[in-house]
Amino acid sequence: MVQEKANYEVKRMARLLGVSRSGFYAWVARQAGQPGPQRRERDDLDAKVRTVFIESDEVYGAPRVHAQLAREGTQVDVKTVARSMARQGLEGISPKKFTPVTTLPGVEAHTIPDRVRRGWDQGGLDRCWISDITYLRTGEGWVYLAAVTDGHSRRIIGWAMDTHMHTAARLVIDTGRTIAEVARELGVGAQTLGKWVAAEHADQAGEPTGELDLDERAELKRLRRELADVKKDNEFLGKAAAFFAAKQPPQNGMN
């Protein structure tokens, strides 16, 4: 075909010999030491993939590289991009899903007695208050919620929220102030503040007390002298989250 190329059309010779024109041209390119059309196309894609990967600080995986190429006008499927990256030995970084932590053991192990023996209902209001901390996902990130429930009525009587879990004790102290205000409104008496479980949990929820400043240490010490310690109960966490969702309609991107 090469020898007769000057006398006959390549299209006609390819049809008569039962070969494709692209195959013929690829063979000619290989004979000349040049890559064929498919190889050039593949090399071009590899270069684009490598450029996007490097510009991402070598973080992007195939899906994000594919999305960036699409924005730049290169139309290929994500599997083709994945093969290109594998061919070049390029590996992205998949970030681990963030999960807030609400249990950070203290430096020294300790055990807090369960003075009510998990008997939350002590037969009347304000005899046993239960507190714990949970976290909620919002459109702007995670928020931490500390809530207090009366063991008899199972009513949420106070709560505090923060975007950072500085320490469990700090949130609990904030919650205590909220409870004092709510207690006055409900007429239950702020003097019962010392009855609720807030300073610590039997499972050592929150951060070590070494993170507290002097005023917070004093507040924590006072609460510890008065509290009736109990272990956390997931039922109350669920009620706290439900209460918060019902009382706070979505706003500012919150879900």
Protein backbone atom coordinates (compact mmCIF):
# COMPACT_ATOMS: atom_id res chain seq x y z
CA MET A 1 0.00 0.00 0.00
CA VAL A 2 2.87 2.35 0.75
CA GLN A 3 4.43 1.65 -2.61
CA GLU A 4 1.14 2.08 -4.50
CA LYS A 5 0.03 5.10 -2.50
CA ALA A 6 1.03 7.43 -5.32
CA ASN A 7 -1.08 5.49 -7.83
CA TYR A 8 -4.21 4.54 -5.84
CA GLU A 9 -6.32 6.03 -3.10
CA VAL A 10 -5.64 4.61 0.36
CA LYS A 11 -9.39 4.26 0.90
CA ARG A 12 -9.75 2.02 -2.17
CA MET A 13 -6.69 -0.10 -1.35
CA ALA A 14 -7.86 -0.56 2.24
CA ARG A 15 -11.29 -1.72 1.04
CA LEU A 16 -9.81 -4.17 -1.47
CA LEU A 17 -7.30 -5.58 1.03
CA GLY A 18 -9.81 -5.75 3.88
CA VAL A 19 -7.95 -3.45 6.29
CA SER A 20 -8.91 -0.16 7.92
CA ARG A 21 -7.40 3.15 6.96
CA SER A 22 -6.70 4.00 10.60
CA GLY A 23 -4.86 0.71 11.01
CA PHE A 24 -2.78 1.47 7.93
CA TYR A 25 -1.87 4.95 9.14
CA ALA A 26 -1.03 3.61 12.61
CA TRP A 27 1.28 1.04 11.01
CA VAL A 28 2.97 3.72 8.94
CA ALA A 29 3.48 5.85 12.08
CA ARG A 30 4.99 2.95 13.97
CA GLN A 31 7.34 2.27 11.09
CA ALA A 32 8.42 5.90 11.23
CA GLY A 33 8.92 5.73 14.99
CA GLN A 34 5.99 8.05 15.71
CA PRO A 35 2.97 7.30 17.93
CA GLY A 36 -0.34 6.61 16.23
CA PRO A 37 -3.51 8.68 16.68
CA GLN A 38 -4.77 6.62 19.65
CA ARG A 39 -1.41 6.81 21.39
CA ARG A 40 -1.23 10.57 20.84
CA GLU A 41 -4.76 10.94 22.20
CA ARG A 42 -3.88 8.85 25.24
CA ASP A 43 -0.67 10.79 25.87
CA ASP A 44 -2.57 14.06 25.58
CA LEU A 45 -5.13 12.89 28.14
CA ASP A 46 -2.38 11.67 30.48
CA ALA A 47 -0.78 15.11 30.35
CA LYS A 48 -4.07 16.84 31.19
CA VAL A 49 -4.81 14.42 34.03
CA ARG A 50 -1.31 14.88 35.44
CA THR A 51 -1.64 18.68 35.30
CA VAL A 52 -4.95 18.70 37.20
CA PHE A 53 -3.57 16.24 39.76
CA ILE A 54 -0.45 18.34 40.42
CA GLU A 55 -2.46 21.58 40.64
CA SER A 56 -4.61 19.93 43.34
CA ASP A 57 -1.46 19.43 45.44
CA GLU A 58 -1.68 15.75 44.53
CA VAL A 59 -4.91 15.37 46.48
CA TYR A 60 -7.59 14.81 43.82
CA GLY A 61 -8.75 11.31 43.00
CA ALA A 62 -10.30 10.22 39.69
CA PRO A 63 -13.81 11.67 40.36
CA ARG A 64 -12.53 15.17 41.13
CA VAL A 65 -9.95 15.11 38.34
CA HIS A 66 -12.76 14.06 35.98
CA ALA A 67 -14.96 16.93 37.21
CA GLN A 68 -12.18 19.46 36.67
CA LEU A 69 -11.44 18.15 33.16
CA ALA A 70 -15.15 18.45 32.33
CA ARG A 71 -15.12 22.09 33.46
CA GLU A 72 -12.13 22.66 31.17
CA GLY A 73 -13.95 21.10 28.21
CA THR A 74 -12.33 17.64 28.10
CA GLN A 75 -15.12 15.09 27.73
CA VAL A 76 -14.05 11.66 28.99
CA ASP A 77 -15.66 9.28 31.45
CA VAL A 78 -14.40 8.84 35.00
CA LYS A 79 -13.19 5.28 34.30
CA THR A 80 -10.90 6.56 31.55
CA VAL A 81 -9.48 9.11 34.00
CA ALA A 82 -9.00 6.38 36.60
CA ARG A 83 -7.08 4.25 34.08
CA SER A 84 -4.92 7.23 33.16
CA MET A 85 -4.07 7.88 36.80
CA ALA A 86 -3.29 4.21 37.41
CA ARG A 87 -1.11 4.15 34.31
CA GLN A 88 0.89 7.10 35.65
CA GLY A 89 0.97 5.91 39.26
CA LEU A 90 -1.08 8.87 40.51
CA GLU A 91 -3.10 8.33 43.70
CA GLY A 92 -5.37 10.87 45.33
CA ILE A 93 -6.05 11.26 49.03
CA SER A 94 -9.48 10.28 50.37
CA PRO A 95 -10.22 12.30 53.53
CA LYS A 96 -11.76 10.35 56.38
CA LYS A 97 -15.24 11.35 57.33
CA PHE A 98 -15.14 13.62 60.39
CA THR A 99 -17.00 12.39 63.45
CA PRO A 100 -17.14 14.62 66.51
CA VAL A 101 -15.68 13.17 69.70
CA THR A 102 -17.59 13.44 72.96
CA THR A 103 -15.61 10.93 75.04
CA LEU A 104 -12.05 11.89 75.91
CA PRO A 105 -10.75 10.04 78.99
CA GLY A 106 -9.05 12.16 81.62
CA VAL A 107 -5.42 11.80 82.55
CA GLU A 108 -6.31 9.92 85.71
CA ALA A 109 -8.86 7.13 85.68
CA HIS A 110 -11.66 7.59 88.18
CA THR A 111 -15.02 6.10 89.05
CA ILE A 112 -18.04 8.15 90.04
CA PRO A 113 -20.66 6.44 92.21
CA ASP A 114 -24.16 6.01 90.80
CA ARG A 115 -26.09 7.39 93.75
CA VAL A 116 -29.53 6.89 92.24
CA ARG A 117 -28.70 3.42 90.85
CA ARG A 118 -30.07 4.43 87.47
CA GLY A 119 -33.43 5.17 89.02
CA TRP A 120 -34.05 8.40 87.17
CA ASP A 121 -37.60 8.86 88.45
CA GLN A 122 -37.28 9.63 92.15
CA GLY A 123 -41.01 10.22 92.61
CA GLY A 124 -41.12 13.99 92.18
CA LEU A 125 -39.89 16.98 90.25
CA ASP A 126 -36.39 18.36 90.78
CA ARG A 127 -35.13 15.31 92.68
CA CYS A 128 -32.94 14.01 89.89
CA TRP A 129 -31.77 15.91 86.85
CA ILE A 130 -29.83 14.15 84.09
CA SER A 131 -27.40 15.81 81.71
CA ASP A 132 -25.32 14.70 78.76
CA ILE A 133 -23.69 15.98 75.59
CA THR A 134 -24.39 15.02 71.99
CA TYR A 135 -23.60 16.53 68.59
CA LEU A 136 -25.72 17.59 65.63
CA ARG A 137 -24.85 18.11 61.96
CA THR A 138 -25.82 21.47 60.44
CA GLY A 139 -25.28 23.07 57.06
CA GLU A 140 -22.37 25.02 58.55
CA GLY A 141 -20.71 22.13 60.37
CA TRP A 142 -21.07 20.28 63.68
CA VAL A 143 -22.51 21.80 66.85
CA TYR A 144 -22.43 20.34 70.34
CA LEU A 145 -25.53 20.24 72.49
CA ALA A 146 -25.66 19.83 76.27
CA ALA A 147 -29.16 19.27 77.66
CA VAL A 148 -30.70 18.60 81.06
CA THR A 149 -33.81 16.48 81.66
CA ASP A 150 -35.89 16.10 84.80
CA GLY A 151 -35.90 12.41 85.71
CA HIS A 152 -39.54 12.46 86.88
CA SER A 153 -41.27 14.45 84.13
CA ARG A 154 -38.68 13.65 81.47
CA ARG A 155 -39.03 17.22 80.33
CA ILE A 156 -36.08 19.08 78.80
CA ILE A 157 -35.61 21.96 81.24
CA GLY A 158 -32.46 23.53 79.86
CA TRP A 159 -29.81 23.29 77.19
CA ALA A 160 -26.67 24.98 75.87
CA MET A 161 -25.00 24.80 72.45
CA ASP A 162 -21.53 25.55 71.12
CA THR A 163 -19.68 25.06 67.84
CA HIS A 164 -16.63 23.74 69.67
CA MET A 165 -16.51 21.21 72.44
CA HIS A 166 -13.85 23.15 74.37
CA THR A 167 -14.45 20.89 77.36
CA ALA A 168 -17.48 18.96 78.56
CA ALA A 169 -17.38 20.91 81.79
CA ARG A 170 -17.49 24.28 80.01
CA LEU A 171 -20.66 23.34 78.11
CA VAL A 172 -22.18 21.91 81.27
CA ILE A 173 -21.50 25.11 83.18
CA ASP A 174 -23.17 27.11 80.39
CA THR A 175 -26.10 24.71 80.56
CA GLY A 176 -26.31 25.28 84.30
CA ARG A 177 -26.77 28.98 83.79
CA THR A 178 -29.55 28.31 81.29
CA ILE A 179 -31.22 25.96 83.76
CA ALA A 180 -31.11 28.60 86.48
CA GLU A 181 -33.01 30.98 84.22
CA VAL A 182 -35.52 28.33 83.15
CA ALA A 183 -35.96 27.18 86.75
CA ARG A 184 -37.01 30.68 87.79
CA GLU A 185 -39.51 30.85 84.93
CA LEU A 186 -40.97 27.46 85.87
CA GLY A 187 -40.90 28.20 89.58
CA VAL A 188 -38.94 25.07 90.41
CA GLY A 189 -36.27 26.84 92.44
CA ALA A 190 -32.73 27.53 91.34
CA GLN A 191 -31.43 25.98 94.57
CA THR A 192 -31.94 22.55 93.00
CA LEU A 193 -29.15 23.29 90.55
CA GLY A 194 -26.79 21.08 92.49
CA LYS A 195 -28.97 18.02 91.99
CA TRP A 196 -28.40 17.51 88.29
CA VAL A 197 -25.65 15.47 86.83
CA ALA A 198 -23.43 17.78 84.92
CA ALA A 199 -19.86 18.04 86.13
CA GLU A 200 -18.80 14.68 84.82
CA HIS A 201 -20.29 11.41 83.60
CA ALA A 202 -19.51 7.92 84.76
CA ASP A 203 -18.06 7.24 81.32
CA GLN A 204 -15.67 10.22 81.65
CA ALA A 205 -17.39 12.20 78.91
CA GLY A 206 -15.69 15.40 77.88
CA GLU A 207 -12.11 16.58 78.01
CA PRO A 208 -9.63 16.44 80.91
CA THR A 209 -10.21 19.11 83.55
CA GLY A 210 -6.67 20.30 82.95
CA GLU A 211 -8.10 22.34 80.05
CA LEU A 212 -10.18 24.51 82.41
CA ASP A 213 -9.19 27.93 83.75
CA LEU A 214 -9.27 28.75 87.48
CA ASP A 215 -12.82 30.13 87.54
CA GLU A 216 -14.16 27.10 85.70
CA ARG A 217 -12.29 24.76 88.03
CA ALA A 218 -13.94 26.45 91.00
CA GLU A 219 -17.36 26.19 89.35
CA LEU A 220 -16.75 22.56 88.52
CA LYS A 221 -15.63 21.79 92.05
CA ARG A 222 -18.79 23.38 93.47
CA LEU A 223 -21.00 21.37 91.15
CA ARG A 224 -19.20 18.16 92.04
CA ARG A 225 -19.93 18.66 95.72
CA GLU A 226 -23.65 18.96 95.06
CA LEU A 227 -24.41 16.68 92.16
CA ALA A 228 -26.13 13.31 92.27
CA ASP A 229 -23.94 11.34 89.90
CA VAL A 230 -25.47 9.00 87.38
CA LYS A 231 -24.40 7.39 84.13
CA LYS A 232 -25.53 8.77 80.84
CA ASP A 233 -28.62 7.32 79.18
CA ASN A 234 -29.03 7.40 75.39
CA GLU A 235 -32.78 7.85 75.81
CA PHE A 236 -32.22 11.31 77.21
CA LEU A 237 -29.81 12.19 74.43
CA GLY A 238 -32.50 11.33 71.91
CA LYS A 239 -35.04 13.48 73.74
CA ALA A 240 -32.56 16.35 73.94
CA ALA A 241 -31.89 16.27 70.20
CA ALA A 242 -35.62 16.04 69.44
CA PHE A 243 -36.33 18.99 71.73
CA PHE A 244 -33.64 21.09 70.09
CA ALA A 245 -34.88 20.29 66.59
CA ALA A 246 -38.47 21.14 67.54
CA LYS A 247 -37.63 24.41 69.27
CA GLN A 248 -35.08 25.69 66.76
CA PRO A 249 -36.43 25.96 63.17
CA PRO A 250 -33.80 25.71 60.39
CA GLN A 251 -31.99 28.99 59.88
CA ASN A 252 -28.56 30.22 58.80
CA GLY A 253 -27.91 26.98 56.96
CA MET A 254 -28.82 24.71 59.86
CA ASN A 255 -30.47 21.37 59.13
